[in-house]
Amino acid sequence: MTTELSSYKIRYRPTRETFKNGFTIEGGTTLRLSNNSRDDTQKRDTADCLAERILDHERRYEYSVWEHGNYFVFDKDTGEPFEITVEDEDIYLHAKATTTSTTFRNFCSLVFEAFDSAYALQKNSRRLRS
């Protein structure tokens, strides 16, 4: 379990620039919580467990679902939004323009606790243009 704030640093924040015929988005930071558990007995869907154990249970989060395993989350304690994508057993946190490392660290700590520290942290930050 990683708790050092530097591990959660948001290196590139997504920024949006609007033009007459469209827009560009530059930058992005994603944290990947990969499940290192060798226990194949988990029959429950990871997205369902995440919603039940953290998003519904913790009163600090408001969230909306746009499809199963994809959440737009608002941390009421910090006033910061972020996005979550669940793929199989892995959980991806996507920073928004105002997301800070504190918000990511707090959420990851809850995941480590709720899932008995079966997850490991990986970070990907890129300066990109789309």
Protein backbone atom coordinates (compact mmCIF):
# COMPACT_ATOMS: atom_id res chain seq x y z
CA MET A 1 0.00 0.00 0.00
CA THR A 2 1.46 3.35 -1.08
CA THR A 3 0.61 6.36 1.07
CA GLU A 4 3.31 8.88 0.12
CA LEU A 5 1.67 11.93 -1.44
CA SER A 6 4.32 12.13 -4.19
CA SER A 7 3.10 8.79 -5.58
CA TYR A 8 -0.24 10.44 -6.36
CA LYS A 9 1.12 13.66 -7.93
CA ILE A 10 -0.94 14.97 -10.85
CA ARG A 11 1.83 15.71 -13.35
CA TYR A 12 -0.34 16.72 -16.30
CA ARG A 13 -3.80 18.14 -15.78
CA PRO A 14 -6.23 17.95 -18.66
CA THR A 15 -6.83 21.35 -20.21
CA ARG A 16 -9.43 22.12 -22.85
CA GLU A 17 -9.10 24.75 -25.55
CA THR A 18 -12.20 25.57 -27.58
CA PHE A 19 -12.10 26.63 -31.23
CA LYS A 20 -14.78 27.63 -33.73
CA ASN A 21 -15.03 24.10 -35.16
CA GLY A 22 -14.23 22.01 -32.09
CA PHE A 23 -11.80 21.72 -29.20
CA THR A 24 -8.53 20.11 -28.07
CA ILE A 25 -7.66 18.45 -24.80
CA GLU A 26 -4.05 18.38 -23.66
CA GLY A 27 -2.54 16.39 -20.82
CA GLY A 28 -3.78 13.70 -18.52
CA THR A 29 -2.91 11.67 -15.44
CA THR A 30 -4.35 8.24 -14.72
CA LEU A 31 -3.73 6.07 -11.69
CA ARG A 32 -4.20 2.35 -12.16
CA LEU A 33 -5.00 0.19 -9.19
CA SER A 34 -4.21 -3.31 -10.36
CA ASN A 35 -5.47 -6.29 -8.43
CA ASN A 36 -2.50 -8.42 -7.31
CA SER A 37 -4.62 -10.97 -5.49
CA ARG A 38 -4.15 -14.54 -6.58
CA ASP A 39 -7.54 -15.37 -5.08
CA ASP A 40 -9.78 -16.49 -7.94
CA THR A 41 -12.71 -16.97 -5.59
CA GLN A 42 -13.94 -13.38 -5.98
CA LYS A 43 -17.20 -13.92 -7.80
CA ARG A 44 -18.55 -10.40 -7.37
CA ASP A 45 -18.12 -7.77 -10.03
CA THR A 46 -15.38 -5.26 -9.10
CA ALA A 47 -17.49 -2.27 -10.20
CA ASP A 48 -20.39 -3.44 -8.01
CA CYS A 49 -18.07 -3.95 -5.03
CA LEU A 50 -16.48 -0.52 -5.54
CA ALA A 51 -19.88 1.17 -5.64
CA GLU A 52 -21.14 -0.72 -2.60
CA ARG A 53 -18.03 -0.58 -0.38
CA ILE A 54 -16.81 2.94 -1.16
CA LEU A 55 -19.04 5.14 -3.31
CA ASP A 56 -22.30 4.24 -1.53
CA HIS A 57 -20.80 3.57 1.90
CA GLU A 58 -18.58 6.64 2.27
CA ARG A 59 -20.66 9.79 2.65
CA ARG A 60 -17.91 11.96 1.21
CA TYR A 61 -18.63 11.04 -2.43
CA GLU A 62 -21.37 11.94 -4.83
CA TYR A 63 -21.28 10.11 -8.14
CA SER A 64 -23.09 9.39 -11.34
CA VAL A 65 -22.82 6.36 -13.59
CA TRP A 66 -22.84 6.74 -17.36
CA GLU A 67 -22.43 3.00 -17.95
CA HIS A 68 -21.54 0.06 -15.75
CA GLY A 69 -18.03 0.53 -14.36
CA ASN A 70 -17.71 4.19 -15.42
CA TYR A 71 -18.25 6.84 -12.77
CA PHE A 72 -17.99 10.59 -12.51
CA VAL A 73 -17.13 11.22 -8.84
CA PHE A 74 -17.21 14.38 -6.73
CA ASP A 75 -15.31 14.38 -3.42
CA LYS A 76 -17.40 16.55 -1.11
CA ASP A 77 -14.54 16.93 1.40
CA THR A 78 -12.08 18.43 -1.08
CA GLY A 79 -14.56 19.81 -3.62
CA GLU A 80 -12.76 18.01 -6.45
CA PRO A 81 -14.05 15.81 -9.28
CA PHE A 82 -12.41 12.79 -10.87
CA GLU A 83 -13.45 9.86 -13.03
CA ILE A 84 -13.28 6.13 -12.39
CA THR A 85 -13.20 3.33 -14.95
CA VAL A 86 -13.32 -0.30 -13.85
CA GLU A 87 -11.98 -2.89 -16.30
CA ASP A 88 -12.16 -6.48 -15.09
CA GLU A 89 -10.58 -6.23 -11.61
CA ASP A 90 -8.50 -3.11 -12.27
CA ILE A 91 -9.60 0.37 -11.19
CA TYR A 92 -8.47 3.46 -13.13
CA LEU A 93 -8.69 6.98 -11.65
CA HIS A 94 -8.62 9.82 -14.18
CA ALA A 95 -7.71 13.30 -12.99
CA LYS A 96 -9.82 16.28 -13.95
CA ALA A 97 -8.41 19.82 -14.19
CA THR A 98 -8.91 20.48 -10.45
CA THR A 99 -8.07 17.04 -9.03
CA THR A 100 -5.20 17.02 -6.53
CA SER A 101 -2.93 14.29 -5.25
CA THR A 102 -4.68 14.46 -1.86
CA THR A 103 -8.00 13.44 -3.42
CA PHE A 104 -6.37 10.53 -5.25
CA ARG A 105 -4.48 9.39 -2.13
CA ASN A 106 -7.62 9.51 0.03
CA PHE A 107 -9.64 7.48 -2.46
CA CYS A 108 -6.85 4.92 -3.00
CA SER A 109 -6.50 4.46 0.77
CA LEU A 110 -10.17 3.54 0.91
CA VAL A 111 -9.71 1.04 -1.93
CA PHE A 112 -6.70 -0.53 -0.18
CA GLU A 113 -8.73 -0.85 3.02
CA ALA A 114 -11.97 -2.07 1.43
CA PHE A 115 -10.24 -4.66 -0.75
CA ASP A 116 -7.73 -5.82 1.91
CA SER A 117 -4.74 -4.20 0.16
CA ALA A 118 -5.01 -6.54 -2.83
CA TYR A 119 -4.30 -3.59 -5.16
CA ALA A 120 -1.01 -2.08 -6.33
CA LEU A 121 -0.61 1.47 -7.66
CA GLN A 122 0.71 2.44 -11.11
CA LYS A 123 0.67 5.96 -12.55
CA ASN A 124 0.65 7.21 -16.13
CA SER A 125 0.98 10.93 -16.92
CA ARG A 126 1.14 12.21 -20.47
CA ARG A 127 1.20 15.44 -22.28
CA LEU A 128 -1.08 14.75 -25.20
CA ARG A 129 -3.29 16.50 -27.70
CA SER A 130 -6.56 15.11 -29.04
